[in-house]
Amino acid sequence: NPQHLSDCKLPPLLSATTSPEEALTGCSFIVHCIPVQSTEGFLLPYKDIIPPDVPIISTSKGLHSETLETMAELVPRVLGRKQPMAYLSGPTFAKELMEAFPSGAVMASEDKKVADDCAHLFHCGNFRIYTTND
């Protein structure tokens, strides 16, 4: 994010794109960092190119202010189908994570394997991810 983290470089194995088509082609996981209120408008145009078997990891917090849906309810409704989902939550701050401060978070999913697989993506020496099915 050039407005907030312009001094931080992406790790070598991570790249950025503004093209959903490019990002979703051949993906194994989707990290969704769009606020709850904007999720429907963001996902709807791309629902047909989001692979139905690829887990979506949501970092969005709270309820939709009009529908009172959680992300667990909102995403399947917008996509028109069930979708593997996991939810990353914790008292973490982007700048501290980029500066390798020790931190922890929780990856939740109804499916233990999905939670474990998604947690593995983020877990490293300075970032501990705990899993739950709650």
Protein backbone atom coordinates (compact mmCIF):
# COMPACT_ATOMS: atom_id res chain seq x y z
CA ASN A 1 0.00 0.00 0.00
CA PRO A 2 1.89 3.07 -1.22
CA GLN A 3 0.00 5.41 1.14
CA HIS A 4 0.88 3.52 4.31
CA LEU A 5 3.76 1.10 3.68
CA SER A 6 5.72 2.64 0.83
CA ASP A 7 9.11 1.76 2.42
CA CYS A 8 8.21 -1.95 2.64
CA LYS A 9 9.23 -4.27 -0.18
CA LEU A 10 7.24 -7.38 -1.09
CA PRO A 11 9.03 -10.67 -0.44
CA PRO A 12 10.60 -12.18 -3.59
CA LEU A 13 7.95 -14.90 -3.97
CA LEU A 14 5.06 -12.42 -3.71
CA SER A 15 3.89 -10.10 -6.45
CA ALA A 16 1.10 -7.56 -6.77
CA THR A 17 -1.40 -7.11 -9.57
CA THR A 18 -4.53 -5.07 -10.15
CA SER A 19 -5.94 -7.75 -12.47
CA PRO A 20 -8.33 -10.22 -10.80
CA GLU A 21 -8.08 -12.47 -13.84
CA GLU A 22 -4.29 -12.64 -13.54
CA ALA A 23 -4.42 -13.14 -9.77
CA LEU A 24 -7.05 -15.91 -9.89
CA THR A 25 -5.64 -17.95 -12.77
CA GLY A 26 -4.13 -21.10 -11.29
CA CYS A 27 -4.37 -19.85 -7.70
CA SER A 28 -4.39 -22.25 -4.75
CA PHE A 29 -5.69 -19.75 -2.17
CA ILE A 30 -7.43 -16.36 -2.28
CA VAL A 31 -6.68 -13.76 0.40
CA HIS A 32 -9.66 -11.38 0.57
CA CYS A 33 -8.82 -8.10 2.36
CA ILE A 34 -11.81 -6.04 1.29
CA PRO A 35 -14.04 -4.45 3.99
CA VAL A 36 -17.32 -6.28 4.65
CA GLN A 37 -19.36 -3.34 3.33
CA SER A 38 -17.57 -3.47 -0.06
CA THR A 39 -17.30 -7.25 -0.45
CA GLU A 40 -20.50 -7.85 -2.43
CA GLY A 41 -19.73 -5.14 -5.00
CA PHE A 42 -16.15 -6.36 -5.30
CA LEU A 43 -16.83 -10.11 -5.64
CA LEU A 44 -19.96 -10.06 -7.79
CA PRO A 45 -18.24 -9.21 -11.12
CA TYR A 46 -15.66 -11.98 -10.54
CA LYS A 47 -17.84 -14.75 -9.12
CA ASP A 48 -17.57 -16.82 -12.30
CA ILE A 49 -13.74 -16.76 -12.34
CA ILE A 50 -13.28 -17.56 -8.64
CA PRO A 51 -12.49 -21.30 -8.56
CA PRO A 52 -15.17 -23.05 -6.44
CA ASP A 53 -12.66 -25.36 -4.73
CA VAL A 54 -10.10 -22.68 -3.77
CA PRO A 55 -10.26 -21.50 -0.15
CA ILE A 56 -10.94 -17.81 0.40
CA ILE A 57 -9.11 -16.42 3.43
CA SER A 58 -11.00 -13.42 4.73
CA THR A 59 -9.41 -10.73 6.89
CA SER A 60 -12.63 -8.69 7.04
CA LYS A 61 -14.10 -8.01 10.47
CA GLY A 62 -17.65 -7.50 11.64
CA LEU A 63 -21.13 -7.60 10.16
CA HIS A 64 -22.50 -6.02 7.01
CA SER A 65 -24.32 -2.90 8.23
CA GLU A 66 -27.46 -3.44 6.08
CA THR A 67 -27.84 -7.23 5.85
CA LEU A 68 -26.18 -8.04 9.21
CA GLU A 69 -24.38 -10.93 7.46
CA THR A 70 -21.00 -12.24 8.53
CA MET A 71 -18.46 -13.03 5.83
CA ALA A 72 -19.38 -16.71 6.28
CA GLU A 73 -22.90 -15.83 5.11
CA LEU A 74 -22.11 -13.03 2.67
CA VAL A 75 -19.52 -14.72 0.46
CA PRO A 76 -21.55 -17.87 -0.36
CA ARG A 77 -24.64 -15.74 -1.04
CA VAL A 78 -22.73 -13.47 -3.45
CA LEU A 79 -21.00 -16.39 -5.18
CA GLY A 80 -24.25 -18.39 -5.32
CA ARG A 81 -22.56 -21.49 -3.91
CA LYS A 82 -20.63 -22.93 -0.98
CA GLN A 83 -16.98 -21.97 -0.96
CA PRO A 84 -14.14 -23.21 1.26
CA MET A 85 -13.53 -20.35 3.71
CA ALA A 86 -11.09 -19.44 6.46
CA TYR A 87 -10.91 -16.30 8.60
CA LEU A 88 -7.67 -14.68 9.74
CA SER A 89 -8.07 -12.62 12.87
CA GLY A 90 -5.79 -11.22 15.49
CA PRO A 91 -4.41 -8.09 17.06
CA THR A 92 -1.81 -7.59 14.32
CA PHE A 93 -0.63 -4.42 12.62
CA ALA A 94 0.76 -4.37 9.08
CA LYS A 95 3.77 -2.16 9.82
CA GLU A 96 4.86 -4.30 12.78
CA LEU A 97 4.43 -7.48 10.71
CA MET A 98 6.52 -6.05 7.87
CA GLU A 99 9.21 -5.09 10.40
CA ALA A 100 9.21 -8.72 11.70
CA PHE A 101 7.89 -7.93 15.18
CA PRO A 102 6.71 -11.14 16.90
CA SER A 103 2.95 -11.54 16.55
CA GLY A 104 0.18 -14.10 16.64
CA ALA A 105 -3.21 -14.57 15.03
CA VAL A 106 -5.97 -17.14 14.62
CA MET A 107 -7.09 -18.90 11.43
CA ALA A 108 -10.65 -20.21 11.81
CA SER A 109 -12.55 -22.53 9.50
CA GLU A 110 -15.31 -25.10 9.88
CA ASP A 111 -12.94 -27.48 8.06
CA LYS A 112 -9.81 -28.29 10.08
CA LYS A 113 -7.77 -29.11 6.96
CA VAL A 114 -8.69 -25.78 5.37
CA ALA A 115 -7.71 -23.96 8.58
CA ASP A 116 -4.40 -25.82 8.79
CA ASP A 117 -3.56 -25.33 5.09
CA CYS A 118 -4.39 -21.61 5.24
CA ALA A 119 -2.49 -21.09 8.51
CA HIS A 120 0.58 -22.71 6.97
CA LEU A 121 0.71 -19.92 4.36
CA PHE A 122 1.29 -17.25 7.02
CA HIS A 123 3.09 -19.09 9.80
CA CYS A 124 6.78 -18.18 10.09
CA GLY A 125 9.44 -17.49 12.71
CA ASN A 126 7.95 -14.20 13.86
CA PHE A 127 4.27 -14.82 13.06
CA ARG A 128 2.50 -17.66 14.85
CA ILE A 129 -0.89 -18.78 13.53
CA TYR A 130 -3.20 -20.81 15.76
CA THR A 131 -6.15 -22.69 14.24
CA THR A 132 -9.69 -23.26 15.41
CA ASN A 133 -12.97 -24.49 13.97
CA ASP A 134 -14.97 -22.01 16.05
